[in-house]
Amino acid sequence: EAHMEGYDVMPMAEAAEVGDVFLTTTGNRD
């Protein structure tokens, strides 16, 4: 759904290398 709405989707291991701001919204840990 996120991909089809135009956002880049990738694992956190990849996003960690390029992100400037990180917001967690999962309700889960770690």
PDB file of all heavy atoms in Angstrom:
ATOM      1  N   GLU A   1       0.833  -1.204   0.000  1.00  0.00           N
ATOM      2  CA  GLU A   1       0.000   0.000   0.000  1.00  0.00           C
ATOM      3  C   GLU A   1       0.867   1.255   0.000  1.00  0.00           C
ATOM      4  O   GLU A   1       0.630   2.201  -0.757  1.00  0.00           O
ATOM      5  CB  GLU A   1      -0.925  -0.007   1.211  1.00  0.00           C
ATOM      6  CG  GLU A   1      -1.867   1.172   1.267  1.00  0.00           C
ATOM      7  CD  GLU A   1      -2.765   1.163   2.494  1.00  0.00           C
ATOM      8  OE1 GLU A   1      -2.480   0.389   3.441  1.00  0.00           O
ATOM      9  OE2 GLU A   1      -3.735   1.934   2.526  1.00  0.00           O
ATOM     10  N   ALA A   2       1.895   1.262   0.867  1.00  0.00           N
ATOM     11  CA  ALA A   2       2.791   2.421   0.913  1.00  0.00           C
ATOM     12  C   ALA A   2       3.499   2.621  -0.424  1.00  0.00           C
ATOM     13  O   ALA A   2       3.650   3.746  -0.910  1.00  0.00           O
ATOM     14  CB  ALA A   2       3.810   2.245   2.038  1.00  0.00           C
ATOM     15  N   HIS A   3       3.935   1.523  -1.021  1.00  0.00           N
ATOM     16  CA  HIS A   3       4.607   1.594  -2.328  1.00  0.00           C
ATOM     17  C   HIS A   3       3.673   2.172  -3.386  1.00  0.00           C
ATOM     18  O   HIS A   3       4.063   3.064  -4.168  1.00  0.00           O
ATOM     19  CB  HIS A   3       5.064   0.187  -2.722  1.00  0.00           C
ATOM     20  CG  HIS A   3       5.510   0.060  -4.140  1.00  0.00           C
ATOM     21  ND1 HIS A   3       6.637   0.686  -4.638  1.00  0.00           N
ATOM     22  CD2 HIS A   3       4.955  -0.634  -5.193  1.00  0.00           C
ATOM     23  CE1 HIS A   3       6.772   0.394  -5.922  1.00  0.00           C
ATOM     24  NE2 HIS A   3       5.769  -0.397  -6.282  1.00  0.00           N
ATOM     25  N   MET A   4       2.422   1.719  -3.398  1.00  0.00           N
ATOM     26  CA  MET A   4       1.480   2.175  -4.423  1.00  0.00           C
ATOM     27  C   MET A   4       0.971   3.586  -4.152  1.00  0.00           C
ATOM     28  O   MET A   4       0.368   4.208  -5.033  1.00  0.00           O
ATOM     29  CB  MET A   4       0.317   1.186  -4.547  1.00  0.00           C
ATOM     30  CG  MET A   4       0.761  -0.166  -5.085  1.00  0.00           C
ATOM     31  SD  MET A   4      -0.598  -1.285  -5.474  1.00  0.00           S
ATOM     32  CE  MET A   4      -1.304  -0.497  -6.912  1.00  0.00           C
ATOM     33  N   GLU A   5       1.213   4.093  -2.962  1.00  0.00           N
ATOM     34  CA  GLU A   5       0.871   5.478  -2.672  1.00  0.00           C
ATOM     35  C   GLU A   5       2.053   6.415  -2.895  1.00  0.00           C
ATOM     36  O   GLU A   5       1.987   7.605  -2.573  1.00  0.00           O
ATOM     37  CB  GLU A   5       0.322   5.594  -1.251  1.00  0.00           C
ATOM     38  CG  GLU A   5      -1.055   4.941  -1.135  1.00  0.00           C
ATOM     39  CD  GLU A   5      -1.711   5.109   0.219  1.00  0.00           C
ATOM     40  OE1 GLU A   5      -1.073   5.651   1.140  1.00  0.00           O
ATOM     41  OE2 GLU A   5      -2.892   4.707   0.344  1.00  0.00           O
ATOM     42  N   GLY A   6       3.125   5.865  -3.444  1.00  0.00           N
ATOM     43  CA  GLY A   6       4.207   6.706  -3.924  1.00  0.00           C
ATOM     44  C   GLY A   6       5.395   6.862  -3.004  1.00  0.00           C
ATOM     45  O   GLY A   6       6.310   7.646  -3.298  1.00  0.00           O
ATOM     46  N   TYR A   7       5.413   6.132  -1.886  1.00  0.00           N
ATOM     47  CA  TYR A   7       6.535   6.243  -0.956  1.00  0.00           C
ATOM     48  C   TYR A   7       7.600   5.199  -1.272  1.00  0.00           C
ATOM     49  O   TYR A   7       7.301   4.114  -1.801  1.00  0.00           O
ATOM     50  CB  TYR A   7       6.062   6.064   0.486  1.00  0.00           C
ATOM     51  CG  TYR A   7       4.979   7.030   0.893  1.00  0.00           C
ATOM     52  CD1 TYR A   7       3.740   6.578   1.329  1.00  0.00           C
ATOM     53  CD2 TYR A   7       5.184   8.407   0.830  1.00  0.00           C
ATOM     54  CE1 TYR A   7       2.738   7.464   1.699  1.00  0.00           C
ATOM     55  CE2 TYR A   7       4.191   9.300   1.193  1.00  0.00           C
ATOM     56  CZ  TYR A   7       2.964   8.823   1.625  1.00  0.00           C
ATOM     57  OH  TYR A   7       1.981   9.699   1.984  1.00  0.00           O
ATOM     58  N   ASP A   8       8.837   5.513  -0.929  1.00  0.00           N
ATOM     59  CA  ASP A   8       9.890   4.513  -0.997  1.00  0.00           C
ATOM     60  C   ASP A   8       9.696   3.531   0.152  1.00  0.00           C
ATOM     61  O   ASP A   8       9.438   3.939   1.293  1.00  0.00           O
ATOM     62  CB  ASP A   8      11.269   5.167  -0.882  1.00  0.00           C
ATOM     63  CG  ASP A   8      11.626   6.009  -2.092  1.00  0.00           C
ATOM     64  OD1 ASP A   8      11.165   5.668  -3.197  1.00  0.00           O
ATOM     65  OD2 ASP A   8      12.350   7.009  -1.929  1.00  0.00           O
ATOM     66  N   VAL A   9       9.801   2.258  -0.126  1.00  0.00           N
ATOM     67  CA  VAL A   9       9.646   1.218   0.901  1.00  0.00           C
ATOM     68  C   VAL A   9      10.911   0.385   0.908  1.00  0.00           C
ATOM     69  O   VAL A   9      11.364  -0.083  -0.141  1.00  0.00           O
ATOM     70  CB  VAL A   9       8.415   0.327   0.619  1.00  0.00           C
ATOM     71  CG1 VAL A   9       8.290  -0.765   1.691  1.00  0.00           C
ATOM     72  CG2 VAL A   9       7.150   1.165   0.568  1.00  0.00           C
ATOM     73  N   MET A  10      11.481   0.214   2.094  1.00  0.00           N
ATOM     74  CA  MET A  10      12.718  -0.555   2.218  1.00  0.00           C
ATOM     75  C   MET A  10      12.867  -1.046   3.650  1.00  0.00           C
ATOM     76  O   MET A  10      12.201  -0.539   4.560  1.00  0.00           O
ATOM     77  CB  MET A  10      13.924   0.295   1.811  1.00  0.00           C
ATOM     78  CG  MET A  10      14.153   1.517   2.686  1.00  0.00           C
ATOM     79  SD  MET A  10      15.515   2.594   2.103  1.00  0.00           S
ATOM     80  CE  MET A  10      14.784   3.316   0.627  1.00  0.00           C
ATOM     81  N   PRO A  11      13.738  -2.025   3.891  1.00  0.00           N
ATOM     82  CA  PRO A  11      13.997  -2.471   5.262  1.00  0.00           C
ATOM     83  C   PRO A  11      14.674  -1.359   6.065  1.00  0.00           C
ATOM     84  O   PRO A  11      15.358  -0.490   5.512  1.00  0.00           O
ATOM     85  CB  PRO A  11      14.929  -3.671   5.087  1.00  0.00           C
ATOM     86  CG  PRO A  11      14.764  -4.095   3.664  1.00  0.00           C
ATOM     87  CD  PRO A  11      14.447  -2.854   2.893  1.00  0.00           C
ATOM     88  N   MET A  12      14.505  -1.415   7.374  1.00  0.00           N
ATOM     89  CA  MET A  12      15.123  -0.405   8.233  1.00  0.00           C
ATOM     90  C   MET A  12      16.637  -0.407   8.087  1.00  0.00           C
ATOM     91  O   MET A  12      17.277   0.657   8.187  1.00  0.00           O
ATOM     92  CB  MET A  12      14.731  -0.640   9.692  1.00  0.00           C
ATOM     93  CG  MET A  12      15.290   0.396  10.662  1.00  0.00           C
ATOM     94  SD  MET A  12      14.724   2.096  10.336  1.00  0.00           S
ATOM     95  CE  MET A  12      13.063   2.015  11.021  1.00  0.00           C
ATOM     96  N   ALA A  13      17.243  -1.568   7.826  1.00  0.00           N
ATOM     97  CA  ALA A  13      18.695  -1.628   7.673  1.00  0.00           C
ATOM     98  C   ALA A  13      19.167  -0.735   6.523  1.00  0.00           C
ATOM     99  O   ALA A  13      20.259  -0.143   6.591  1.00  0.00           O
ATOM    100  CB  ALA A  13      19.137  -3.075   7.433  1.00  0.00           C
ATOM    101  N   GLU A  14      18.355  -0.621   5.467  1.00  0.00           N
ATOM    102  CA  GLU A  14      18.709   0.257   4.354  1.00  0.00           C
ATOM    103  C   GLU A  14      18.316   1.710   4.648  1.00  0.00           C
ATOM    104  O   GLU A  14      19.076   2.639   4.360  1.00  0.00           O
ATOM    105  CB  GLU A  14      18.020  -0.213   3.068  1.00  0.00           C
ATOM    106  CG  GLU A  14      18.464  -1.591   2.588  1.00  0.00           C
ATOM    107  CD  GLU A  14      17.719  -2.024   1.335  1.00  0.00           C
ATOM    108  OE1 GLU A  14      17.163  -1.143   0.640  1.00  0.00           O
ATOM    109  OE2 GLU A  14      17.689  -3.236   1.063  1.00  0.00           O
ATOM    110  N   ALA A  15      17.141   1.887   5.220  1.00  0.00           N
ATOM    111  CA  ALA A  15      16.669   3.241   5.520  1.00  0.00           C
ATOM    112  C   ALA A  15      17.589   3.938   6.515  1.00  0.00           C
ATOM    113  O   ALA A  15      17.780   5.168   6.449  1.00  0.00           O
ATOM    114  CB  ALA A  15      15.251   3.178   6.066  1.00  0.00           C
ATOM    115  N   ALA A  16      18.184   3.174   7.424  1.00  0.00           N
ATOM    116  CA  ALA A  16      19.058   3.756   8.444  1.00  0.00           C
ATOM    117  C   ALA A  16      20.229   4.504   7.827  1.00  0.00           C
ATOM    118  O   ALA A  16      20.739   5.468   8.413  1.00  0.00           O
ATOM    119  CB  ALA A  16      19.568   2.659   9.384  1.00  0.00           C
ATOM    120  N   GLU A  17      20.658   4.087   6.655  1.00  0.00           N
ATOM    121  CA  GLU A  17      21.819   4.702   6.024  1.00  0.00           C
ATOM    122  C   GLU A  17      21.502   6.051   5.392  1.00  0.00           C
ATOM    123  O   GLU A  17      22.391   6.872   5.211  1.00  0.00           O
ATOM    124  CB  GLU A  17      22.390   3.760   4.961  1.00  0.00           C
ATOM    125  CG  GLU A  17      22.885   2.431   5.519  1.00  0.00           C
ATOM    126  CD  GLU A  17      23.485   1.556   4.420  1.00  0.00           C
ATOM    127  OE1 GLU A  17      23.596   2.030   3.266  1.00  0.00           O
ATOM    128  OE2 GLU A  17      23.828   0.399   4.726  1.00  0.00           O
ATOM    129  N   VAL A  18      20.227   6.286   5.061  1.00  0.00           N
ATOM    130  CA  VAL A  18      19.885   7.485   4.287  1.00  0.00           C
ATOM    131  C   VAL A  18      18.940   8.442   5.007  1.00  0.00           C
ATOM    132  O   VAL A  18      18.754   9.578   4.578  1.00  0.00           O
ATOM    133  CB  VAL A  18      19.260   7.100   2.929  1.00  0.00           C
ATOM    134  CG1 VAL A  18      20.275   6.316   2.092  1.00  0.00           C
ATOM    135  CG2 VAL A  18      17.983   6.295   3.109  1.00  0.00           C
ATOM    136  N   GLY A  19      18.336   8.011   6.112  1.00  0.00           N
ATOM    137  CA  GLY A  19      17.336   8.834   6.776  1.00  0.00           C
ATOM    138  C   GLY A  19      17.929  10.034   7.504  1.00  0.00           C
ATOM    139  O   GLY A  19      19.036   9.972   8.047  1.00  0.00           O
ATOM    140  N   ASP A  20      17.170  11.122   7.508  1.00  0.00           N
ATOM    141  CA  ASP A  20      17.513  12.297   8.314  1.00  0.00           C
ATOM    142  C   ASP A  20      16.691  12.349   9.596  1.00  0.00           C
ATOM    143  O   ASP A  20      17.178  12.802  10.637  1.00  0.00           O
ATOM    144  CB  ASP A  20      17.248  13.585   7.513  1.00  0.00           C
ATOM    145  CG  ASP A  20      18.084  13.666   6.257  1.00  0.00           C
ATOM    146  OD1 ASP A  20      19.319  13.539   6.360  1.00  0.00           O
ATOM    147  OD2 ASP A  20      17.503  13.852   5.173  1.00  0.00           O
ATOM    148  N   VAL A  21      15.445  11.921   9.501  1.00  0.00           N
ATOM    149  CA  VAL A  21      14.531  11.894  10.643  1.00  0.00           C
ATOM    150  C   VAL A  21      13.854  10.533  10.661  1.00  0.00           C
ATOM    151  O   VAL A  21      13.408  10.036   9.622  1.00  0.00           O
ATOM    152  CB  VAL A  21      13.454  12.991  10.537  1.00  0.00           C
ATOM    153  CG1 VAL A  21      12.577  12.999  11.787  1.00  0.00           C
ATOM    154  CG2 VAL A  21      14.084  14.351  10.309  1.00  0.00           C
ATOM    155  N   PHE A  22      13.761   9.933  11.855  1.00  0.00           N
ATOM    156  CA  PHE A  22      13.129   8.628  12.017  1.00  0.00           C
ATOM    157  C   PHE A  22      11.973   8.761  13.002  1.00  0.00           C
ATOM    158  O   PHE A  22      12.157   9.233  14.131  1.00  0.00           O
ATOM    159  CB  PHE A  22      14.141   7.600  12.540  1.00  0.00           C
ATOM    160  CG  PHE A  22      15.273   7.311  11.589  1.00  0.00           C
ATOM    161  CD1 PHE A  22      16.345   8.191  11.474  1.00  0.00           C
ATOM    162  CD2 PHE A  22      15.270   6.167  10.804  1.00  0.00           C
ATOM    163  CE1 PHE A  22      17.393   7.937  10.597  1.00  0.00           C
ATOM    164  CE2 PHE A  22      16.312   5.912   9.918  1.00  0.00           C
ATOM    165  CZ  PHE A  22      17.371   6.796   9.817  1.00  0.00           C
ATOM    166  N   LEU A  23      10.773   8.343  12.578  1.00  0.00           N
ATOM    167  CA  LEU A  23       9.603   8.337  13.451  1.00  0.00           C
ATOM    168  C   LEU A  23       9.050   6.924  13.510  1.00  0.00           C
ATOM    169  O   LEU A  23       8.660   6.363  12.483  1.00  0.00           O
ATOM    170  CB  LEU A  23       8.511   9.277  12.940  1.00  0.00           C
ATOM    171  CG  LEU A  23       8.645  10.745  13.285  1.00  0.00           C
ATOM    172  CD1 LEU A  23       9.565  11.435  12.302  1.00  0.00           C
ATOM    173  CD2 LEU A  23       7.277  11.419  13.255  1.00  0.00           C
ATOM    174  N   THR A  24       9.007   6.346  14.697  1.00  0.00           N
ATOM    175  CA  THR A  24       8.439   5.012  14.874  1.00  0.00           C
ATOM    176  C   THR A  24       6.964   5.129  15.240  1.00  0.00           C
ATOM    177  O   THR A  24       6.580   5.954  16.066  1.00  0.00           O
ATOM    178  CB  THR A  24       9.188   4.239  15.962  1.00  0.00           C
ATOM    179  OG1 THR A  24       9.201   4.996  17.177  1.00  0.00           O
ATOM    180  CG2 THR A  24      10.629   3.977  15.536  1.00  0.00           C
ATOM    181  N   THR A  25       6.138   4.292  14.619  1.00  0.00           N
ATOM    182  CA  THR A  25       4.689   4.344  14.857  1.00  0.00           C
ATOM    183  C   THR A  25       4.104   2.943  14.985  1.00  0.00           C
ATOM    184  O   THR A  25       2.924   2.720  14.699  1.00  0.00           O
ATOM    185  CB  THR A  25       3.965   5.071  13.713  1.00  0.00           C
ATOM    186  OG1 THR A  25       4.024   4.263  12.523  1.00  0.00           O
ATOM    187  CG2 THR A  25       4.569   6.428  13.423  1.00  0.00           C
ATOM    188  N   THR A  26       4.898   1.974  15.439  1.00  0.00           N
ATOM    189  CA  THR A  26       4.486   0.569  15.352  1.00  0.00           C
ATOM    190  C   THR A  26       3.764   0.049  16.589  1.00  0.00           C
ATOM    191  O   THR A  26       2.983  -0.893  16.494  1.00  0.00           O
ATOM    192  CB  THR A  26       5.706  -0.332  15.118  1.00  0.00           C
ATOM    193  OG1 THR A  26       6.498  -0.381  16.318  1.00  0.00           O
ATOM    194  CG2 THR A  26       6.552   0.173  13.965  1.00  0.00           C
ATOM    195  N   GLY A  27       4.062   0.595  17.754  1.00  0.00           N
ATOM    196  CA  GLY A  27       3.561   0.017  18.993  1.00  0.00           C
ATOM    197  C   GLY A  27       4.355  -1.203  19.432  1.00  0.00           C
ATOM    198  O   GLY A  27       4.038  -1.827  20.451  1.00  0.00           O
ATOM    199  N   ASN A  28       5.413  -1.552  18.702  1.00  0.00           N
ATOM    200  CA  ASN A  28       6.239  -2.716  19.045  1.00  0.00           C
ATOM    201  C   ASN A  28       7.597  -2.251  19.553  1.00  0.00           C
ATOM    202  O   ASN A  28       7.921  -1.064  19.494  1.00  0.00           O
ATOM    203  CB  ASN A  28       6.399  -3.621  17.821  1.00  0.00           C
ATOM    204  CG  ASN A  28       6.610  -5.075  18.190  1.00  0.00           C
ATOM    205  OD1 ASN A  28       7.041  -5.388  19.289  1.00  0.00           O
ATOM    206  ND2 ASN A  28       6.282  -5.961  17.270  1.00  0.00           N
ATOM    207  N   ARG A  29       8.403  -3.175  20.014  1.00  0.00           N
ATOM    208  CA  ARG A  29       9.691  -2.822  20.594  1.00  0.00           C
ATOM    209  C   ARG A  29      10.830  -3.084  19.600  1.00  0.00           C
ATOM    210  O   ARG A  29      10.690  -3.813  18.627  1.00  0.00           O
ATOM    211  CB  ARG A  29       9.937  -3.613  21.883  1.00  0.00           C
ATOM    212  CG  ARG A  29      10.087  -5.125  21.697  1.00  0.00           C
ATOM    213  CD  ARG A  29      10.486  -5.824  23.012  1.00  0.00           C
ATOM    214  NE  ARG A  29      11.693  -5.245  23.550  1.00  0.00           N
ATOM    215  CZ  ARG A  29      11.776  -4.691  24.766  1.00  0.00           C
ATOM    216  NH1 ARG A  29      10.728  -4.660  25.553  1.00  0.00           N
ATOM    217  NH2 ARG A  29      12.919  -4.184  25.188  1.00  0.00           N
ATOM    218  N   ASP A  30      11.986  -2.444  19.874  1.00  0.00           N
ATOM    219  CA  ASP A  30      13.234  -2.705  19.145  1.00  0.00           C
ATOM    220  C   ASP A  30      13.083  -2.521  17.634  1.00  0.00           C
ATOM    221  O   ASP A  30      13.570  -3.320  16.839  1.00  0.00           O
ATOM    222  CB  ASP A  30      13.750  -4.115  19.453  1.00  0.00           C
ATOM    223  CG  ASP A  30      14.038  -4.311  20.931  1.00  0.00           C
ATOM    224  OD1 ASP A  30      14.338  -3.311  21.614  1.00  0.00           O
ATOM    225  OD2 ASP A  30      13.952  -5.456  21.417  1.00  0.00           O
TER     226      ASP A  30
END
